[in-house]
Amino acid sequence: MINMEVQLPRYEDAKVVGKHVYGNLIGCQNNEALRDPRRLEEIVKTAAEKGNMTVLDVKSWKIGEGVSIVAVILESHITIHTWPEYNFATVDVYSCGSHTDPYAAFNYIVEELKPVKVETGYFDRSLE
């Protein structure tokens, strides 16, 4: 689980609440999932559920050995791009609305792909 020491803004006065968690997953031990579009679709659907987000559509593309997957959620999107030959994946979880928890969604993806190292960041995309 990623424990980031990030001071989240106060959202009660925001016109738009936007939360963007992103990262690089290095040394993924679940290499089979990195190659499997159906498994990654399941992972992003469950991640959205864990982050209190509503999935509208999920699309995936097999590109070489890897997969690119985009989940359009009512609140924005979740993406995963994989390079199984390098045991590497990039993940973006962008959600709007104070009711969402992009960290919970991101952490679930991390748990499933089992990286040795995670480089992560957060960007507040809110409008006061």
Protein backbone atom coordinates (compact mmCIF):
# COMPACT_ATOMS: atom_id res chain seq x y z
CA MET A 1 0.00 0.00 0.00
CA ILE A 2 1.26 3.46 -0.86
CA ASN A 3 1.35 5.81 2.10
CA MET A 4 1.92 9.25 0.69
CA GLU A 5 2.42 12.21 2.97
CA VAL A 6 0.38 14.61 0.86
CA GLN A 7 -1.57 17.50 2.29
CA LEU A 8 -4.86 17.20 0.47
CA PRO A 9 -6.74 20.45 -0.08
CA ARG A 10 -10.01 21.21 1.62
CA TYR A 11 -12.70 20.46 -0.91
CA GLU A 12 -15.86 21.86 0.70
CA ASP A 13 -15.48 25.23 -1.04
CA ALA A 14 -14.15 23.95 -4.37
CA LYS A 15 -16.19 24.45 -7.54
CA VAL A 16 -14.48 21.42 -9.10
CA VAL A 17 -12.78 18.69 -7.07
CA GLY A 18 -10.07 16.94 -9.05
CA LYS A 19 -7.62 14.39 -7.65
CA HIS A 20 -4.93 12.80 -9.82
CA VAL A 21 -2.73 9.96 -8.55
CA TYR A 22 -0.16 8.57 -10.99
CA GLY A 23 2.85 6.35 -10.92
CA ASN A 24 5.38 3.94 -12.36
CA LEU A 25 5.23 0.33 -11.19
CA ILE A 26 8.70 -1.17 -11.51
CA GLY A 27 9.56 -4.86 -11.27
CA CYS A 28 5.97 -6.11 -11.40
CA GLN A 29 5.90 -9.67 -10.13
CA ASN A 30 2.48 -10.42 -11.66
CA ASN A 31 3.86 -10.55 -15.20
CA GLU A 32 0.95 -12.67 -16.40
CA ALA A 33 -1.51 -9.86 -15.61
CA LEU A 34 0.64 -7.35 -17.49
CA ARG A 35 -0.02 -9.38 -20.67
CA ASP A 36 -3.72 -10.13 -20.14
CA PRO A 37 -6.27 -7.52 -21.28
CA ARG A 38 -9.18 -9.33 -19.60
CA ARG A 39 -7.40 -9.52 -16.26
CA LEU A 40 -6.45 -5.85 -16.43
CA GLU A 41 -10.08 -4.98 -17.22
CA GLU A 42 -11.12 -6.81 -14.03
CA ILE A 43 -8.42 -4.99 -12.07
CA VAL A 44 -9.52 -1.50 -13.20
CA LYS A 45 -13.20 -2.29 -12.57
CA THR A 46 -12.43 -3.41 -9.02
CA ALA A 47 -10.08 -0.46 -8.52
CA ALA A 48 -12.89 1.91 -9.50
CA GLU A 49 -15.21 0.20 -7.04
CA LYS A 50 -12.62 0.50 -4.26
CA GLY A 51 -12.22 4.21 -5.10
CA ASN A 52 -16.01 4.79 -5.01
CA MET A 53 -16.12 5.53 -8.75
CA THR A 54 -18.67 4.55 -11.41
CA VAL A 55 -17.36 2.71 -14.49
CA LEU A 56 -18.96 3.84 -17.76
CA ASP A 57 -16.80 1.88 -20.21
CA VAL A 58 -13.53 -0.05 -20.39
CA LYS A 59 -11.42 -0.49 -23.53
CA SER A 60 -8.16 -2.36 -23.95
CA TRP A 61 -5.65 -2.81 -26.72
CA LYS A 62 -2.95 -5.45 -27.00
CA ILE A 63 0.21 -3.69 -28.19
CA GLY A 64 3.10 -6.06 -28.76
CA GLU A 65 3.53 -7.97 -25.51
CA GLY A 66 1.86 -5.23 -23.49
CA VAL A 67 -1.60 -3.84 -22.97
CA SER A 68 -3.08 -0.35 -22.81
CA ILE A 69 -6.34 -0.08 -20.92
CA VAL A 70 -8.62 2.90 -20.39
CA ALA A 71 -11.54 2.89 -18.00
CA VAL A 72 -13.81 5.86 -18.48
CA ILE A 73 -15.45 6.52 -15.17
CA LEU A 74 -18.27 8.92 -14.47
CA GLU A 75 -15.77 10.91 -12.42
CA SER A 76 -12.95 10.87 -15.08
CA HIS A 77 -10.60 7.94 -15.93
CA ILE A 78 -8.21 5.17 -14.91
CA THR A 79 -5.44 4.02 -17.26
CA ILE A 80 -2.83 1.28 -17.19
CA HIS A 81 -0.10 0.82 -19.80
CA THR A 82 2.15 -2.25 -19.53
CA TRP A 83 5.51 -3.43 -20.80
CA PRO A 84 5.69 -7.07 -19.62
CA GLU A 85 9.09 -7.58 -21.23
CA TYR A 86 10.40 -5.08 -18.65
CA ASN A 87 7.97 -5.98 -15.80
CA PHE A 88 6.84 -2.35 -15.95
CA ALA A 89 3.52 -0.51 -15.90
CA THR A 90 2.32 3.08 -15.67
CA VAL A 91 -0.93 3.93 -13.91
CA ASP A 92 -3.11 7.06 -13.79
CA VAL A 93 -6.17 7.46 -11.59
CA TYR A 94 -7.89 10.80 -12.08
CA SER A 95 -11.19 11.38 -10.33
CA CYS A 96 -13.49 14.30 -9.75
CA GLY A 97 -15.73 14.60 -6.75
CA SER A 98 -15.02 14.68 -3.04
CA HIS A 99 -16.68 11.24 -2.69
CA THR A 100 -13.90 9.49 -4.66
CA ASP A 101 -10.68 8.00 -3.34
CA PRO A 102 -8.09 7.70 -6.11
CA TYR A 103 -5.51 6.44 -3.59
CA ALA A 104 -7.67 3.41 -2.80
CA ALA A 105 -8.00 2.66 -6.54
CA PHE A 106 -4.27 3.17 -7.17
CA ASN A 107 -3.30 1.02 -4.18
CA TYR A 108 -5.52 -1.81 -5.37
CA ILE A 109 -3.78 -1.80 -8.77
CA VAL A 110 -0.41 -1.85 -7.01
CA GLU A 111 -1.51 -4.80 -4.86
CA GLU A 112 -2.58 -6.75 -7.94
CA LEU A 113 0.50 -6.08 -10.10
CA LYS A 114 2.93 -6.54 -7.19
CA PRO A 115 5.76 -4.15 -8.15
CA VAL A 116 9.08 -4.21 -6.34
CA LYS A 117 9.21 -0.40 -6.52
CA VAL A 118 6.56 2.30 -6.96
CA GLU A 119 7.27 5.86 -8.04
CA THR A 120 4.15 7.90 -7.45
CA GLY A 121 2.85 11.43 -7.43
CA TYR A 122 -0.28 13.45 -6.80
CA PHE A 123 -1.64 16.52 -8.52
CA ASP A 124 -4.57 18.56 -7.27
CA ARG A 125 -6.74 19.39 -10.27
CA SER A 126 -9.42 21.27 -8.33
CA LEU A 127 -10.87 24.69 -8.98
CA GLU A 128 -11.51 26.85 -5.95
